[in-house]
Protein backbone atom coordinates (compact mmCIF):
# COMPACT_ATOMS: atom_id res chain seq x y z
CA MET A 1 1.15 3.83 67.47
CA ARG A 2 4.90 4.08 67.16
CA GLU A 3 4.87 0.97 64.92
CA LYS A 4 2.39 2.59 62.48
CA THR A 5 4.56 5.70 62.16
CA LYS A 6 7.60 3.57 61.43
CA ILE A 7 5.73 1.57 58.74
CA ARG A 8 4.40 4.80 57.12
CA SER A 9 7.85 6.38 56.98
CA GLN A 10 9.35 3.20 55.50
CA SER A 11 6.56 3.04 52.92
CA ALA A 12 7.07 6.70 52.01
CA LEU A 13 10.82 6.15 51.68
CA PHE A 14 10.21 3.08 49.48
CA ILE A 15 7.84 5.01 47.17
CA VAL A 16 10.20 7.99 46.88
CA SER A 17 13.12 5.63 46.13
CA LEU A 18 11.09 3.76 43.53
CA LEU A 19 10.04 7.01 41.83
CA GLY A 20 13.68 8.18 41.83
CA ILE A 21 14.81 4.94 40.19
CA LEU A 22 12.08 5.24 37.54
CA VAL A 23 13.10 8.82 36.74
CA VAL A 24 16.77 7.80 36.39
CA LEU A 25 15.83 4.84 34.14
CA ASN A 26 13.66 7.11 32.00
CA VAL A 27 16.48 9.65 31.54
CA LEU A 28 18.92 6.88 30.65
CA GLY A 29 16.40 5.38 28.23
CA VAL A 30 16.07 8.66 26.37
CA ARG A 31 19.83 9.21 26.23
CA PHE A 32 20.85 5.69 25.26
CA PHE A 33 18.20 4.56 22.80
CA ALA A 34 18.36 0.94 21.64
CA ARG A 35 16.04 -1.36 19.78
CA ALA A 36 15.94 -5.12 19.65
CA ASP A 37 14.51 -7.17 16.81
CA LEU A 38 13.09 -10.25 18.48
CA THR A 39 11.57 -11.77 15.34
CA ARG A 40 13.01 -15.14 14.31
CA ASP A 41 14.05 -13.99 10.82
CA LYS A 42 15.19 -10.50 11.94
CA LEU A 43 12.49 -8.85 9.83
CA PHE A 44 13.12 -5.42 11.30
CA THR A 45 16.91 -5.39 11.14
CA LEU A 46 18.87 -3.97 8.21
CA SER A 47 21.36 -6.21 6.47
CA ASP A 48 25.09 -5.60 6.93
CA ALA A 49 25.26 -4.29 3.34
CA SER A 50 22.58 -1.67 4.01
CA VAL A 51 24.25 -0.61 7.27
CA SER A 52 27.58 -0.31 5.44
CA VAL A 53 26.05 1.90 2.74
CA MET A 54 24.61 4.21 5.38
CA ARG A 55 27.80 4.42 7.44
CA ASN A 56 29.81 5.32 4.33
CA LEU A 57 27.70 8.30 3.29
CA ASP A 58 29.93 11.29 2.58
CA ASP A 59 27.19 13.82 1.98
CA LYS A 60 23.72 14.66 3.26
CA LEU A 61 20.96 12.28 2.14
CA VAL A 62 17.43 13.68 2.07
CA VAL A 63 14.55 11.23 1.72
CA LYS A 64 11.05 12.46 0.97
CA GLY A 65 8.14 10.08 1.18
CA TYR A 66 5.14 11.04 -0.91
CA PHE A 67 2.19 9.18 0.58
CA THR A 68 -1.50 10.00 0.48
CA LYS A 69 -3.20 9.79 3.86
CA ASN A 70 -5.92 7.19 4.45
CA LEU A 71 -5.16 4.91 1.55
CA PRO A 72 -7.50 1.92 1.36
CA GLY A 73 -6.97 -1.73 2.16
CA ARG A 74 -3.48 -3.17 2.16
CA PHE A 75 -1.95 0.27 1.53
CA ALA A 76 -3.32 1.70 4.80
CA SER A 77 -0.35 0.55 6.90
CA LEU A 78 2.23 0.87 4.13
CA GLU A 79 3.36 4.36 5.11
CA ARG A 80 3.96 3.26 8.72
CA GLY A 81 6.06 0.30 7.56
CA VAL A 82 8.13 2.50 5.25
CA ARG A 83 8.61 5.07 8.03
CA ASP A 84 9.91 2.33 10.33
CA VAL A 85 12.40 1.04 7.75
CA LEU A 86 13.62 4.56 6.96
CA GLU A 87 14.08 5.21 10.68
CA GLU A 88 16.40 2.20 10.82
CA TYR A 89 18.39 3.65 7.92
CA ARG A 90 18.52 7.05 9.62
CA GLN A 91 19.84 5.47 12.83
CA HIS A 92 22.84 4.10 10.90
CA SER A 93 23.56 7.26 8.87
CA ASN A 94 25.70 9.07 11.46
CA GLY A 95 23.33 12.05 11.24
CA ARG A 96 23.66 12.38 7.46
CA MET A 97 20.10 11.35 6.59
CA THR A 98 16.88 13.27 7.05
CA VAL A 99 13.41 11.96 6.33
CA GLU A 100 10.28 13.92 5.51
CA PHE A 101 6.82 12.64 4.61
CA ILE A 102 4.51 14.71 2.44
CA ASP A 103 0.90 14.22 1.38
CA PRO A 104 0.85 16.11 -1.93
CA THR A 105 -2.86 15.50 -2.50
CA GLY A 106 -4.58 18.82 -3.13
CA ASP A 107 -1.34 20.84 -2.98
CA GLU A 108 -0.63 21.86 -6.57
CA ALA A 109 3.04 22.74 -5.95
CA GLU A 110 3.76 19.45 -4.14
CA GLU A 111 1.92 17.43 -6.80
CA LYS A 112 4.03 19.13 -9.48
CA THR A 113 7.22 18.38 -7.53
CA ALA A 114 6.22 14.72 -7.10
CA LYS A 115 5.36 14.43 -10.79
CA GLY A 116 8.73 15.97 -11.71
CA LEU A 117 10.41 13.21 -9.70
CA GLY A 118 8.40 10.55 -11.54
CA ILE A 119 6.05 9.92 -8.63
CA ASN A 120 2.49 10.01 -9.93
CA LYS A 121 -0.94 9.36 -8.48
CA MET A 122 -1.76 5.73 -8.84
CA PRO A 123 -4.89 3.64 -8.42
CA ASN A 124 -5.28 1.97 -5.05
CA PRO A 125 -8.03 -0.65 -5.28
CA ASP A 126 -10.22 -1.52 -2.34
CA ILE A 127 -13.26 -3.67 -1.70
CA GLU A 128 -15.88 -1.80 0.24
CA LYS A 129 -19.33 -3.23 1.00
CA ASP A 130 -18.91 -5.91 -1.69
CA GLN A 131 -17.95 -3.29 -4.27
CA THR A 132 -14.58 -2.57 -5.76
CA THR A 133 -13.54 1.04 -5.41
CA ILE A 134 -10.40 2.80 -6.50
CA LYS A 135 -8.86 5.71 -4.65
CA GLU A 136 -6.02 7.52 -6.37
CA GLY A 137 -3.06 8.44 -4.26
CA TYR A 138 0.69 8.70 -3.93
CA ARG A 139 3.05 5.98 -2.70
CA GLY A 140 6.58 7.00 -3.67
CA LEU A 141 10.00 7.90 -2.28
CA ALA A 142 12.55 10.44 -3.50
CA PHE A 143 16.24 10.34 -2.52
CA SER A 144 18.46 13.42 -2.90
CA TYR A 145 22.18 12.92 -2.42
CA GLY A 146 24.61 15.62 -3.48
CA GLN A 147 23.45 16.82 -6.90
CA GLU A 148 21.55 13.63 -7.75
CA THR A 149 17.93 12.72 -7.13
CA GLU A 150 16.50 9.24 -7.62
CA ALA A 151 12.97 8.03 -6.98
CA ILE A 152 11.07 4.89 -6.25
CA ALA A 153 7.88 5.80 -8.10
CA ALA A 154 5.65 3.17 -6.53
CA VAL A 155 6.02 1.43 -3.20
CA ASP A 156 3.65 -1.53 -3.26
CA SER A 157 4.73 -3.36 -0.14
CA ALA A 158 7.09 -3.09 2.82
CA VAL A 159 8.39 -6.53 1.83
CA GLY A 160 11.57 -6.08 -0.18
CA ILE A 161 11.69 -2.34 0.49
CA GLU A 162 15.18 -2.60 2.02
CA TYR A 163 16.61 -3.88 -1.27
CA LEU A 164 14.92 -1.08 -3.24
CA ILE A 165 16.11 1.61 -0.86
CA THR A 166 19.71 0.37 -0.63
CA THR A 167 20.09 -0.03 -4.39
CA THR A 168 18.60 3.43 -4.95
CA ILE A 169 20.99 5.02 -2.45
CA LYS A 170 23.98 3.12 -3.83
């Protein structure tokens, strides 16, 4: 009987200790965020040139992504890929970059703003039930830095997006 009580108290102590360690690790993980790119070609790591551009920002950089929700086919995951790349840029900006994503579809004011930046609705082809369909939508980025605004009117792929973004910012 005495043995069972001892085992129960040790088990309870072990569980409480384990939970305490997990809580501490969770708090540290939130405070000291880090990411590791384990791909062979470092596909999700910015180049030194891009990091340098971001670290040398003197003013606030505002990036607005104009993407239509639920784009078909190969464009469906494009917004997520662009968000991930922009998050990497934001991490290296020393707090000088903000990112906002907007779906201007159906919002007349936002569509007018996008059009003023040179970002227009574009055809997004898809094959659905052996038929080709086209859904119009937005896939662009606008960069505002100081008094200047530049846009990437059409983002077709996440491949090569780092070059486009860095040259636009520079």
